C-alpha cells in the first residue's frame, strides 16, 4: 500500500488504484496503474460522509458492508489470488494511509 504520487518501484508488482476518482495532477501513463477496480472503492456518498467528519470506525464498517456485494466480493477474491501469486500494491491519493479505505482493503485481502 502506498500513495500513488510516489514513484513506481520495481517490486510493486501489480499496481491497483483503489480510489474512485483519478488523482489530481497525475498523468495516467506516469502512474503505471495495472488495474482500477472502481467497484472496490468507497461509494461517493460514503467518501463524502467520512470526509465530512464521520468516524473512522463507522467508515470502516460501512465500507466493509459496501464490499459485500457479489461483484465486489468476486473482485476482492481475484485480488487475493493475485496477492498469493505475487506482489500487489494498492495505490491511493489518501494522505493518511493508516486511516484510509486502502488500509481497510489491504486488511480484507489478508483474511
PDB file of N, CA and C in Angstrom:
ATOM      1  N   UNK A   1       0.852  -1.166   0.000  1.00  0.00           N
ATOM      2  CA  UNK A   1       0.000   0.000   0.000  1.00  0.00           C
ATOM      3  C   UNK A   1       0.899   1.230   0.000  1.00  0.00           C
ATOM      4  N   UNK A   2       0.585   2.156  -0.905  1.00  0.00           N
ATOM      5  CA  UNK A   2       1.385   3.374  -0.990  1.00  0.00           C
ATOM      6  C   UNK A   2       0.588   4.472  -1.678  1.00  0.00           C
ATOM      7  N   UNK A   3       1.097   5.675  -1.550  1.00  0.00           N
ATOM      8  CA  UNK A   3       0.465   6.813  -2.227  1.00  0.00           C
ATOM      9  C   UNK A   3       0.802   6.753  -3.709  1.00  0.00           C
ATOM     10  N   UNK A   4      -0.172   7.059  -4.516  1.00  0.00           N
ATOM     11  CA  UNK A   4       0.024   6.995  -5.965  1.00  0.00           C
ATOM     12  C   UNK A   4       0.999   8.051  -6.458  1.00  0.00           C
ATOM     13  N   UNK A   5       1.193   9.093  -5.685  1.00  0.00           N
ATOM     14  CA  UNK A   5       2.107  10.163  -6.093  1.00  0.00           C
ATOM     15  C   UNK A   5       3.573   9.772  -5.915  1.00  0.00           C
ATOM     16  N   UNK A   6       3.839   8.683  -5.202  1.00  0.00           N
ATOM     17  CA  UNK A   6       5.212   8.198  -5.058  1.00  0.00           C
ATOM     18  C   UNK A   6       5.621   7.509  -6.359  1.00  0.00           C
ATOM     19  N   UNK A   7       6.889   7.617  -6.741  1.00  0.00           N
ATOM     20  CA  UNK A   7       7.322   6.968  -7.984  1.00  0.00           C
ATOM     21  C   UNK A   7       7.156   5.444  -7.902  1.00  0.00           C
ATOM     22  N   UNK A   8       6.799   4.817  -9.009  1.00  0.00           N
ATOM     23  CA  UNK A   8       6.696   3.354  -9.023  1.00  0.00           C
ATOM     24  C   UNK A   8       8.027   2.709  -8.653  1.00  0.00           C
ATOM     25  N   UNK A   9       7.941   1.583  -7.963  1.00  0.00           N
ATOM     26  CA  UNK A   9       9.124   0.813  -7.568  1.00  0.00           C
ATOM     27  C   UNK A   9       9.137  -0.496  -8.358  1.00  0.00           C
ATOM     28  N   UNK A  10      10.317  -1.031  -8.635  1.00  0.00           N
ATOM     29  CA  UNK A  10      10.399  -2.289  -9.383  1.00  0.00           C
ATOM     30  C   UNK A  10       9.678  -3.455  -8.702  1.00  0.00           C
ATOM     31  N   UNK A  11       9.607  -3.427  -7.363  1.00  0.00           N
ATOM     32  CA  UNK A  11       8.981  -4.545  -6.650  1.00  0.00           C
ATOM     33  C   UNK A  11       7.498  -4.302  -6.330  1.00  0.00           C
ATOM     34  N   UNK A  12       6.869  -3.314  -6.971  1.00  0.00           N
ATOM     35  CA  UNK A  12       5.449  -3.038  -6.732  1.00  0.00           C
ATOM     36  C   UNK A  12       4.552  -4.174  -7.210  1.00  0.00           C
ATOM     37  N   UNK A  13       4.985  -4.923  -8.184  1.00  0.00           N
ATOM     38  CA  UNK A  13       4.135  -5.971  -8.731  1.00  0.00           C
ATOM     39  C   UNK A  13       2.919  -5.374  -9.418  1.00  0.00           C
ATOM     40  N   UNK A  14       1.758  -5.958  -9.170  1.00  0.00           N
ATOM     41  CA  UNK A  14       0.501  -5.475  -9.738  1.00  0.00           C
ATOM     42  C   UNK A  14       0.102  -4.188  -9.014  1.00  0.00           C
ATOM     43  N   UNK A  15       0.006  -3.096  -9.750  1.00  0.00           N
ATOM     44  CA  UNK A  15      -0.327  -1.787  -9.169  1.00  0.00           C
ATOM     45  C   UNK A  15      -1.820  -1.522  -9.373  1.00  0.00           C
ATOM     46  N   UNK A  16      -2.553  -1.439  -8.251  1.00  0.00           N
ATOM     47  CA  UNK A  16      -4.010  -1.326  -8.290  1.00  0.00           C
ATOM     48  C   UNK A  16      -4.449  -0.014  -7.640  1.00  0.00           C
ATOM     49  N   UNK A  17      -5.065   0.852  -8.431  1.00  0.00           N
ATOM     50  CA  UNK A  17      -5.602   2.105  -7.901  1.00  0.00           C
ATOM     51  C   UNK A  17      -6.925   1.803  -7.211  1.00  0.00           C
ATOM     52  N   UNK A  18      -7.058   2.214  -5.948  1.00  0.00           N
ATOM     53  CA  UNK A  18      -8.267   1.915  -5.180  1.00  0.00           C
ATOM     54  C   UNK A  18      -9.048   3.183  -4.826  1.00  0.00           C
ATOM     55  N   UNK A  19      -8.877   4.242  -5.597  1.00  0.00           N
ATOM     56  CA  UNK A  19      -9.650   5.477  -5.446  1.00  0.00           C
ATOM     57  C   UNK A  19     -10.706   5.538  -6.540  1.00  0.00           C
ATOM     58  N   UNK A  20     -11.870   6.070  -6.214  1.00  0.00           N
ATOM     59  CA  UNK A  20     -12.942   6.189  -7.208  1.00  0.00           C
ATOM     60  C   UNK A  20     -12.614   7.237  -8.266  1.00  0.00           C
ATOM     61  N   UNK A  21     -11.957   8.323  -7.843  1.00  0.00           N
ATOM     62  CA  UNK A  21     -11.598   9.405  -8.762  1.00  0.00           C
ATOM     63  C   UNK A  21     -10.121   9.326  -9.114  1.00  0.00           C
ATOM     64  N   UNK A  22      -9.786   9.699 -10.341  1.00  0.00           N
ATOM     65  CA  UNK A  22      -8.377   9.721 -10.737  1.00  0.00           C
ATOM     66  C   UNK A  22      -7.671  10.824  -9.945  1.00  0.00           C
ATOM     67  N   UNK A  23      -6.469  10.561  -9.422  1.00  0.00           N
ATOM     68  CA  UNK A  23      -5.738  11.553  -8.624  1.00  0.00           C
ATOM     69  C   UNK A  23      -5.425  12.820  -9.416  1.00  0.00           C
ATOM     70  N   UNK A  24      -5.640  13.940  -8.776  1.00  0.00           N
ATOM     71  CA  UNK A  24      -5.401  15.236  -9.419  1.00  0.00           C
ATOM     72  C   UNK A  24      -3.940  15.423  -9.786  1.00  0.00           C
ATOM     73  N   UNK A  25      -3.740  15.987 -10.971  1.00  0.00           N
ATOM     74  CA  UNK A  25      -2.398  16.368 -11.390  1.00  0.00           C
ATOM     75  C   UNK A  25      -1.483  15.227 -11.770  1.00  0.00           C
ATOM     76  N   UNK A  26      -2.022  14.034 -11.926  1.00  0.00           N
ATOM     77  CA  UNK A  26      -1.190  12.873 -12.236  1.00  0.00           C
ATOM     78  C   UNK A  26      -1.552  12.330 -13.617  1.00  0.00           C
ATOM     79  N   UNK A  27      -0.563  12.258 -14.489  1.00  0.00           N
ATOM     80  CA  UNK A  27      -0.788  11.702 -15.827  1.00  0.00           C
ATOM     81  C   UNK A  27      -0.964  10.190 -15.724  1.00  0.00           C
ATOM     82  N   UNK A  28      -1.897   9.658 -16.475  1.00  0.00           N
ATOM     83  CA  UNK A  28      -2.178   8.226 -16.401  1.00  0.00           C
ATOM     84  C   UNK A  28      -0.976   7.369 -16.769  1.00  0.00           C
ATOM     85  N   UNK A  29      -0.201   7.779 -17.755  1.00  0.00           N
ATOM     86  CA  UNK A  29       0.954   6.965 -18.141  1.00  0.00           C
ATOM     87  C   UNK A  29       2.055   7.018 -17.078  1.00  0.00           C
ATOM     88  N   UNK A  30       2.162   8.104 -16.346  1.00  0.00           N
ATOM     89  CA  UNK A  30       3.183   8.218 -15.297  1.00  0.00           C
ATOM     90  C   UNK A  30       2.833   7.376 -14.075  1.00  0.00           C
ATOM     91  N   UNK A  31       1.550   7.121 -13.864  1.00  0.00           N
ATOM     92  CA  UNK A  31       1.109   6.379 -12.681  1.00  0.00           C
ATOM     93  C   UNK A  31       1.382   4.883 -12.785  1.00  0.00           C
ATOM     94  N   UNK A  32       1.463   4.389 -14.006  1.00  0.00           N
ATOM     95  CA  UNK A  32       1.686   2.955 -14.234  1.00  0.00           C
ATOM     96  C   UNK A  32       0.715   2.087 -13.430  1.00  0.00           C
ATOM     97  N   UNK A  33      -0.561   2.347 -13.609  1.00  0.00           N
ATOM     98  CA  UNK A  33      -1.612   1.592 -12.932  1.00  0.00           C
ATOM     99  C   UNK A  33      -1.992   0.394 -13.794  1.00  0.00           C
ATOM    100  N   UNK A  34      -2.015  -0.785 -13.180  1.00  0.00           N
ATOM    101  CA  UNK A  34      -2.381  -2.005 -13.903  1.00  0.00           C
ATOM    102  C   UNK A  34      -3.876  -2.287 -13.845  1.00  0.00           C
ATOM    103  N   UNK A  35      -4.518  -1.860 -12.761  1.00  0.00           N
ATOM    104  CA  UNK A  35      -5.951  -2.112 -12.593  1.00  0.00           C
ATOM    105  C   UNK A  35      -6.572  -0.968 -11.798  1.00  0.00           C
ATOM    106  N   UNK A  36      -7.843  -0.708 -12.088  1.00  0.00           N
ATOM    107  CA  UNK A  36      -8.577   0.353 -11.400  1.00  0.00           C
ATOM    108  C   UNK A  36     -10.002  -0.152 -11.161  1.00  0.00           C
ATOM    109  N   UNK A  37     -10.178  -1.078 -10.219  1.00  0.00           N
ATOM    110  CA  UNK A  37     -11.494  -1.662  -9.964  1.00  0.00           C
ATOM    111  C   UNK A  37     -12.374  -0.741  -9.107  1.00  0.00           C
ATOM    112  N   UNK A  38     -13.128   0.112  -9.754  1.00  0.00           N
ATOM    113  CA  UNK A  38     -13.930   1.105  -9.029  1.00  0.00           C
ATOM    114  C   UNK A  38     -14.970   0.461  -8.115  1.00  0.00           C
ATOM    115  N   UNK A  39     -15.331  -0.784  -8.404  1.00  0.00           N
ATOM    116  CA  UNK A  39     -16.290  -1.493  -7.555  1.00  0.00           C
ATOM    117  C   UNK A  39     -15.726  -1.673  -6.141  1.00  0.00           C
ATOM    118  N   UNK A  40     -14.413  -1.707  -6.011  1.00  0.00           N
ATOM    119  CA  UNK A  40     -13.782  -1.891  -4.700  1.00  0.00           C
ATOM    120  C   UNK A  40     -13.499  -0.576  -3.978  1.00  0.00           C
ATOM    121  N   UNK A  41     -13.943   0.533  -4.539  1.00  0.00           N
ATOM    122  CA  UNK A  41     -13.707   1.830  -3.904  1.00  0.00           C
ATOM    123  C   UNK A  41     -14.942   2.240  -3.105  1.00  0.00           C
ATOM    124  N   UNK A  42     -14.767   3.057  -2.075  1.00  0.00           N
ATOM    125  CA  UNK A  42     -15.944   3.525  -1.328  1.00  0.00           C
ATOM    126  C   UNK A  42     -16.874   4.329  -2.236  1.00  0.00           C
ATOM    127  N   UNK A  43     -18.157   4.209  -1.983  1.00  0.00           N
ATOM    128  CA  UNK A  43     -19.126   4.984  -2.764  1.00  0.00           C
ATOM    129  C   UNK A  43     -18.880   6.477  -2.548  1.00  0.00           C
ATOM    130  N   UNK A  44     -19.356   7.263  -3.480  1.00  0.00           N
ATOM    131  CA  UNK A  44     -19.230   8.718  -3.363  1.00  0.00           C
ATOM    132  C   UNK A  44     -19.892   9.204  -2.081  1.00  0.00           C
ATOM    133  N   UNK A  45     -21.055   8.656  -1.758  1.00  0.00           N
ATOM    134  CA  UNK A  45     -21.766   9.062  -0.547  1.00  0.00           C
ATOM    135  C   UNK A  45     -20.951   8.745   0.702  1.00  0.00           C
ATOM    136  N   UNK A  46     -20.379   7.546   0.762  1.00  0.00           N
ATOM    137  CA  UNK A  46     -19.588   7.157   1.933  1.00  0.00           C
ATOM    138  C   UNK A  46     -18.328   8.006   2.045  1.00  0.00           C
ATOM    139  N   UNK A  47     -17.689   8.242   0.935  1.00  0.00           N
ATOM    140  CA  UNK A  47     -16.470   9.066   0.939  1.00  0.00           C
ATOM    141  C   UNK A  47     -16.780  10.467   1.444  1.00  0.00           C
ATOM    142  N   UNK A  48     -17.860  11.058   0.963  1.00  0.00           N
ATOM    143  CA  UNK A  48     -18.243  12.408   1.408  1.00  0.00           C
ATOM    144  C   UNK A  48     -18.600  12.418   2.893  1.00  0.00           C
ATOM    145  N   UNK A  49     -19.309  11.388   3.336  1.00  0.00           N
ATOM    146  CA  UNK A  49     -19.674  11.299   4.751  1.00  0.00           C
ATOM    147  C   UNK A  49     -18.420  11.259   5.622  1.00  0.00           C
ATOM    148  N   UNK A  50     -17.468  10.421   5.244  1.00  0.00           N
ATOM    149  CA  UNK A  50     -16.236  10.283   6.034  1.00  0.00           C
ATOM    150  C   UNK A  50     -15.444  11.588   6.050  1.00  0.00           C
ATOM    151  N   UNK A  51     -15.283  12.217   4.905  1.00  0.00           N
ATOM    152  CA  UNK A  51     -14.536  13.472   4.836  1.00  0.00           C
ATOM    153  C   UNK A  51     -15.292  14.622   5.502  1.00  0.00           C
ATOM    154  N   UNK A  52     -16.582  14.433   5.712  1.00  0.00           N
ATOM    155  CA  UNK A  52     -17.381  15.442   6.396  1.00  0.00           C
ATOM    156  C   UNK A  52     -17.335  15.330   7.908  1.00  0.00           C
ATOM    157  N   UNK A  53     -16.571  14.383   8.419  1.00  0.00           N
ATOM    158  CA  UNK A  53     -16.410  14.271   9.870  1.00  0.00           C
ATOM    159  C   UNK A  53     -16.850  12.951  10.465  1.00  0.00           C
ATOM    160  N   UNK A  54     -17.216  11.981   9.627  1.00  0.00           N
ATOM    161  CA  UNK A  54     -17.590  10.672  10.147  1.00  0.00           C
ATOM    162  C   UNK A  54     -16.405   9.981  10.800  1.00  0.00           C
ATOM    163  N   UNK A  55     -16.684   9.113  11.761  1.00  0.00           N
ATOM    164  CA  UNK A  55     -15.596   8.419  12.460  1.00  0.00           C
ATOM    165  C   UNK A  55     -15.002   7.323  11.576  1.00  0.00           C
ATOM    166  N   UNK A  56     -13.727   7.050  11.786  1.00  0.00           N
ATOM    167  CA  UNK A  56     -13.052   6.014  11.006  1.00  0.00           C
ATOM    168  C   UNK A  56     -13.672   4.647  11.285  1.00  0.00           C
ATOM    169  N   UNK A  57     -14.021   4.388  12.534  1.00  0.00           N
ATOM    170  CA  UNK A  57     -14.590   3.093  12.902  1.00  0.00           C
ATOM    171  C   UNK A  57     -15.909   2.850  12.166  1.00  0.00           C
ATOM    172  N   UNK A  58     -16.775   3.881  12.126  1.00  0.00           N
ATOM    173  CA  UNK A  58     -18.039   3.743  11.394  1.00  0.00           C
ATOM    174  C   UNK A  58     -17.800   3.653   9.889  1.00  0.00           C
ATOM    175  N   UNK A  59     -16.845   4.432   9.395  1.00  0.00           N
ATOM    176  CA  UNK A  59     -16.498   4.374   7.978  1.00  0.00           C
ATOM    177  C   UNK A  59     -16.077   2.952   7.604  1.00  0.00           C
ATOM    178  N   UNK A  60     -15.220   2.372   8.426  1.00  0.00           N
ATOM    179  CA  UNK A  60     -14.716   1.024   8.188  1.00  0.00           C
ATOM    180  C   UNK A  60     -15.874   0.023   8.070  1.00  0.00           C
ATOM    181  N   UNK A  61     -16.811   0.088   9.005  1.00  0.00           N
ATOM    182  CA  UNK A  61     -17.953  -0.830   8.990  1.00  0.00           C
ATOM    183  C   UNK A  61     -18.809  -0.634   7.741  1.00  0.00           C
ATOM    184  N   UNK A  62     -19.057   0.613   7.392  1.00  0.00           N
ATOM    185  CA  UNK A  62     -19.882   0.904   6.214  1.00  0.00           C
ATOM    186  C   UNK A  62     -19.180   0.489   4.923  1.00  0.00           C
ATOM    187  N   UNK A  63     -17.893   0.706   4.876  1.00  0.00           N
ATOM    188  CA  UNK A  63     -17.128   0.328   3.683  1.00  0.00           C
ATOM    189  C   UNK A  63     -17.105  -1.192   3.527  1.00  0.00           C
ATOM    190  N   UNK A  64     -16.880  -1.903   4.616  1.00  0.00           N
ATOM    191  CA  UNK A  64     -16.894  -3.367   4.538  1.00  0.00           C
ATOM    192  C   UNK A  64     -18.259  -3.866   4.079  1.00  0.00           C
ATOM    193  N   UNK A  65     -19.327  -3.199   4.517  1.00  0.00           N
ATOM    194  CA  UNK A  65     -20.674  -3.577   4.066  1.00  0.00           C
ATOM    195  C   UNK A  65     -20.817  -3.345   2.562  1.00  0.00           C
ATOM    196  N   UNK A  66     -20.282  -2.237   2.067  1.00  0.00           N
ATOM    197  CA  UNK A  66     -20.332  -1.973   0.620  1.00  0.00           C
ATOM    198  C   UNK A  66     -19.573  -3.040  -0.162  1.00  0.00           C
ATOM    199  N   UNK A  67     -18.521  -3.558   0.420  1.00  0.00           N
ATOM    200  CA  UNK A  67     -17.720  -4.579  -0.264  1.00  0.00           C
ATOM    201  C   UNK A  67     -18.378  -5.962  -0.220  1.00  0.00           C
ATOM    202  N   UNK A  68     -19.551  -6.050   0.397  1.00  0.00           N
ATOM    203  CA  UNK A  68     -20.256  -7.319   0.500  1.00  0.00           C
ATOM    204  C   UNK A  68     -21.103  -7.673  -0.710  1.00  0.00           C
ATOM    205  N   UNK A  69     -21.128  -6.830  -1.725  1.00  0.00           N
ATOM    206  CA  UNK A  69     -21.906  -7.149  -2.924  1.00  0.00           C
ATOM    207  C   UNK A  69     -21.228  -8.301  -3.672  1.00  0.00           C
ATOM    208  N   UNK A  70     -21.993  -9.076  -4.428  1.00  0.00           N
ATOM    209  CA  UNK A  70     -21.378 -10.181  -5.170  1.00  0.00           C
ATOM    210  C   UNK A  70     -20.251  -9.732  -6.108  1.00  0.00           C
ATOM    211  N   UNK A  71     -20.458  -8.625  -6.811  1.00  0.00           N
ATOM    212  CA  UNK A  71     -19.430  -8.141  -7.740  1.00  0.00           C
ATOM    213  C   UNK A  71     -18.150  -7.748  -6.999  1.00  0.00           C
ATOM    214  N   UNK A  72     -18.298  -7.036  -5.882  1.00  0.00           N
ATOM    215  CA  UNK A  72     -17.128  -6.629  -5.100  1.00  0.00           C
ATOM    216  C   UNK A  72     -16.440  -7.847  -4.490  1.00  0.00           C
ATOM    217  N   UNK A  73     -17.227  -8.792  -3.985  1.00  0.00           N
ATOM    218  CA  UNK A  73     -16.651  -9.995  -3.382  1.00  0.00           C
ATOM    219  C   UNK A  73     -15.832 -10.785  -4.405  1.00  0.00           C
ATOM    220  N   UNK A  74     -16.327 -10.853  -5.629  1.00  0.00           N
ATOM    221  CA  UNK A  74     -15.601 -11.564  -6.684  1.00  0.00           C
ATOM    222  C   UNK A  74     -14.276 -10.866  -7.010  1.00  0.00           C
ATOM    223  N   UNK A  75     -14.313  -9.547  -7.142  1.00  0.00           N
ATOM    224  CA  UNK A  75     -13.083  -8.797  -7.426  1.00  0.00           C
ATOM    225  C   UNK A  75     -12.100  -8.871  -6.264  1.00  0.00           C
ATOM    226  N   UNK A  76     -12.624  -8.856  -5.043  1.00  0.00           N
ATOM    227  CA  UNK A  76     -11.774  -8.976  -3.860  1.00  0.00           C
ATOM    228  C   UNK A  76     -11.061 -10.328  -3.857  1.00  0.00           C
ATOM    229  N   UNK A  77     -11.794 -11.367  -4.214  1.00  0.00           N
ATOM    230  CA  UNK A  77     -11.177 -12.696  -4.277  1.00  0.00           C
ATOM    231  C   UNK A  77     -10.138 -12.763  -5.393  1.00  0.00           C
ATOM    232  N   UNK A  78     -10.406 -12.131  -6.520  1.00  0.00           N
ATOM    233  CA  UNK A  78      -9.413 -12.068  -7.601  1.00  0.00           C
ATOM    234  C   UNK A  78      -8.134 -11.391  -7.127  1.00  0.00           C
ATOM    235  N   UNK A  79      -8.282 -10.303  -6.371  1.00  0.00           N
ATOM    236  CA  UNK A  79      -7.101  -9.605  -5.839  1.00  0.00           C
ATOM    237  C   UNK A  79      -6.358 -10.466  -4.824  1.00  0.00           C
ATOM    238  N   UNK A  80      -7.110 -11.185  -3.993  1.00  0.00           N
ATOM    239  CA  UNK A  80      -6.470 -12.115  -3.037  1.00  0.00           C
ATOM    240  C   UNK A  80      -5.624 -13.141  -3.789  1.00  0.00           C
ATOM    241  N   UNK A  81      -6.183 -13.690  -4.847  1.00  0.00           N
ATOM    242  CA  UNK A  81      -5.450 -14.682  -5.638  1.00  0.00           C
ATOM    243  C   UNK A  81      -4.206 -14.068  -6.269  1.00  0.00           C
ATOM    244  N   UNK A  82      -4.325 -12.844  -6.750  1.00  0.00           N
ATOM    245  CA  UNK A  82      -3.157 -12.151  -7.314  1.00  0.00           C
ATOM    246  C   UNK A  82      -2.096 -11.936  -6.245  1.00  0.00           C
ATOM    247  N   UNK A  83      -2.531 -11.592  -5.041  1.00  0.00           N
ATOM    248  CA  UNK A  83      -1.590 -11.360  -3.942  1.00  0.00           C
ATOM    249  C   UNK A  83      -0.891 -12.655  -3.534  1.00  0.00           C
ATOM    250  N   UNK A  84      -1.608 -13.770  -3.611  1.00  0.00           N
ATOM    251  CA  UNK A  84      -0.980 -15.063  -3.286  1.00  0.00           C
ATOM    252  C   UNK A  84       0.068 -15.439  -4.330  1.00  0.00           C
ATOM    253  N   UNK A  85      -0.178 -15.019  -5.572  1.00  0.00           N
ATOM    254  CA  UNK A  85       0.730 -15.365  -6.671  1.00  0.00           C
ATOM    255  C   UNK A  85       1.921 -14.423  -6.777  1.00  0.00           C
ATOM    256  N   UNK A  86       1.805 -13.229  -6.219  1.00  0.00           N
ATOM    257  CA  UNK A  86       2.885 -12.248  -6.326  1.00  0.00           C
ATOM    258  C   UNK A  86       2.521 -10.966  -5.606  1.00  0.00           C
ATOM    259  N   UNK A  87       3.341  -9.979  -5.760  1.00  0.00           N
ATOM    260  CA  UNK A  87       3.146  -8.700  -5.078  1.00  0.00           C
ATOM    261  C   UNK A  87       1.985  -7.908  -5.678  1.00  0.00           C
ATOM    262  N   UNK A  88       1.134  -7.367  -4.804  1.00  0.00           N
ATOM    263  CA  UNK A  88       0.064  -6.452  -5.197  1.00  0.00           C
ATOM    264  C   UNK A  88       0.244  -5.183  -4.373  1.00  0.00           C
ATOM    265  N   UNK A  89       0.282  -4.039  -5.034  1.00  0.00           N
ATOM    266  CA  UNK A  89       0.415  -2.755  -4.350  1.00  0.00           C
ATOM    267  C   UNK A  89      -0.858  -1.956  -4.556  1.00  0.00           C
ATOM    268  N   UNK A  90      -1.532  -1.646  -3.448  1.00  0.00           N
ATOM    269  CA  UNK A  90      -2.726  -0.812  -3.501  1.00  0.00           C
ATOM    270  C   UNK A  90      -2.285   0.642  -3.521  1.00  0.00           C
ATOM    271  N   UNK A  91      -2.828   1.399  -4.450  1.00  0.00           N
ATOM    272  CA  UNK A  91      -2.447   2.802  -4.633  1.00  0.00           C
ATOM    273  C   UNK A  91      -3.613   3.721  -4.305  1.00  0.00           C
ATOM    274  N   UNK A  92      -3.322   4.799  -3.599  1.00  0.00           N
ATOM    275  CA  UNK A  92      -4.340   5.771  -3.235  1.00  0.00           C
ATOM    276  C   UNK A  92      -3.734   7.162  -3.152  1.00  0.00           C
ATOM    277  N   UNK A  93      -4.574   8.156  -3.314  1.00  0.00           N
ATOM    278  CA  UNK A  93      -4.133   9.542  -3.134  1.00  0.00           C
ATOM    279  C   UNK A  93      -4.286   9.981  -1.681  1.00  0.00           C
ATOM    280  N   UNK A  94      -4.874   9.142  -0.851  1.00  0.00           N
ATOM    281  CA  UNK A  94      -5.092   9.484   0.562  1.00  0.00           C
ATOM    282  C   UNK A  94      -3.788   9.859   1.239  1.00  0.00           C
ATOM    283  N   UNK A  95      -3.851  10.906   2.040  1.00  0.00           N
ATOM    284  CA  UNK A  95      -2.650  11.346   2.761  1.00  0.00           C
ATOM    285  C   UNK A  95      -2.378  10.479   3.982  1.00  0.00           C
ATOM    286  N   UNK A  96      -3.437  10.058   4.666  1.00  0.00           N
ATOM    287  CA  UNK A  96      -3.292   9.252   5.870  1.00  0.00           C
ATOM    288  C   UNK A  96      -3.607   7.798   5.527  1.00  0.00           C
ATOM    289  N   UNK A  97      -2.592   7.052   5.191  1.00  0.00           N
ATOM    290  CA  UNK A  97      -2.796   5.667   4.756  1.00  0.00           C
ATOM    291  C   UNK A  97      -3.381   4.789   5.856  1.00  0.00           C
ATOM    292  N   UNK A  98      -3.020   5.055   7.088  1.00  0.00           N
ATOM    293  CA  UNK A  98      -3.460   4.204   8.194  1.00  0.00           C
ATOM    294  C   UNK A  98      -4.946   4.350   8.508  1.00  0.00           C
ATOM    295  N   UNK A  99      -5.557   5.447   8.137  1.00  0.00           N
ATOM    296  CA  UNK A  99      -6.981   5.667   8.403  1.00  0.00           C
ATOM    297  C   UNK A  99      -7.724   5.899   7.083  1.00  0.00           C
ATOM    298  N   UNK A 100      -7.376   5.089   6.115  1.00  0.00           N
ATOM    299  CA  UNK A 100      -7.970   5.226   4.784  1.00  0.00           C
ATOM    300  C   UNK A 100      -8.671   3.937   4.374  1.00  0.00           C
ATOM    301  N   UNK A 101      -9.432   4.039   3.317  1.00  0.00           N
ATOM    302  CA  UNK A 101     -10.089   2.862   2.749  1.00  0.00           C
ATOM    303  C   UNK A 101      -9.058   1.852   2.242  1.00  0.00           C
ATOM    304  N   UNK A 102      -7.894   2.331   1.827  1.00  0.00           N
ATOM    305  CA  UNK A 102      -6.853   1.420   1.341  1.00  0.00           C
ATOM    306  C   UNK A 102      -6.390   0.487   2.457  1.00  0.00           C
ATOM    307  N   UNK A 103      -6.308   0.988   3.684  1.00  0.00           N
ATOM    308  CA  UNK A 103      -5.933   0.144   4.830  1.00  0.00           C
ATOM    309  C   UNK A 103      -6.991  -0.930   5.057  1.00  0.00           C
ATOM    310  N   UNK A 104      -8.261  -0.539   5.006  1.00  0.00           N
ATOM    311  CA  UNK A 104      -9.353  -1.498   5.187  1.00  0.00           C
ATOM    312  C   UNK A 104      -9.264  -2.576   4.113  1.00  0.00           C
ATOM    313  N   UNK A 105      -9.079  -2.163   2.884  1.00  0.00           N
ATOM    314  CA  UNK A 105      -8.992  -3.100   1.769  1.00  0.00           C
ATOM    315  C   UNK A 105      -7.780  -4.018   1.917  1.00  0.00           C
ATOM    316  N   UNK A 106      -6.645  -3.468   2.306  1.00  0.00           N
ATOM    317  CA  UNK A 106      -5.433  -4.276   2.500  1.00  0.00           C
ATOM    318  C   UNK A 106      -5.661  -5.342   3.568  1.00  0.00           C
ATOM    319  N   UNK A 107      -6.328  -4.967   4.644  1.00  0.00           N
ATOM    320  CA  UNK A 107      -6.600  -5.934   5.711  1.00  0.00           C
ATOM    321  C   UNK A 107      -7.576  -7.009   5.245  1.00  0.00           C
ATOM    322  N   UNK A 108      -8.565  -6.628   4.457  1.00  0.00           N
ATOM    323  CA  UNK A 108      -9.503  -7.618   3.922  1.00  0.00           C
ATOM    324  C   UNK A 108      -8.802  -8.594   2.982  1.00  0.00           C
ATOM    325  N   UNK A 109      -7.830  -8.124   2.244  1.00  0.00           N
ATOM    326  CA  UNK A 109      -7.088  -9.002   1.330  1.00  0.00           C
ATOM    327  C   UNK A 109      -6.264 -10.038   2.086  1.00  0.00           C
ATOM    328  N   UNK A 110      -5.902  -9.730   3.311  1.00  0.00           N
ATOM    329  CA  UNK A 110      -5.081 -10.648   4.102  1.00  0.00           C
ATOM    330  C   UNK A 110      -5.911 -11.688   4.842  1.00  0.00           C
ATOM    331  N   UNK A 111      -7.225 -11.539   4.832  1.00  0.00           N
ATOM    332  CA  UNK A 111      -8.089 -12.503   5.543  1.00  0.00           C
ATOM    333  C   UNK A 111      -8.247 -13.774   4.756  1.00  0.00           C
TER     334      UNK A 111
END
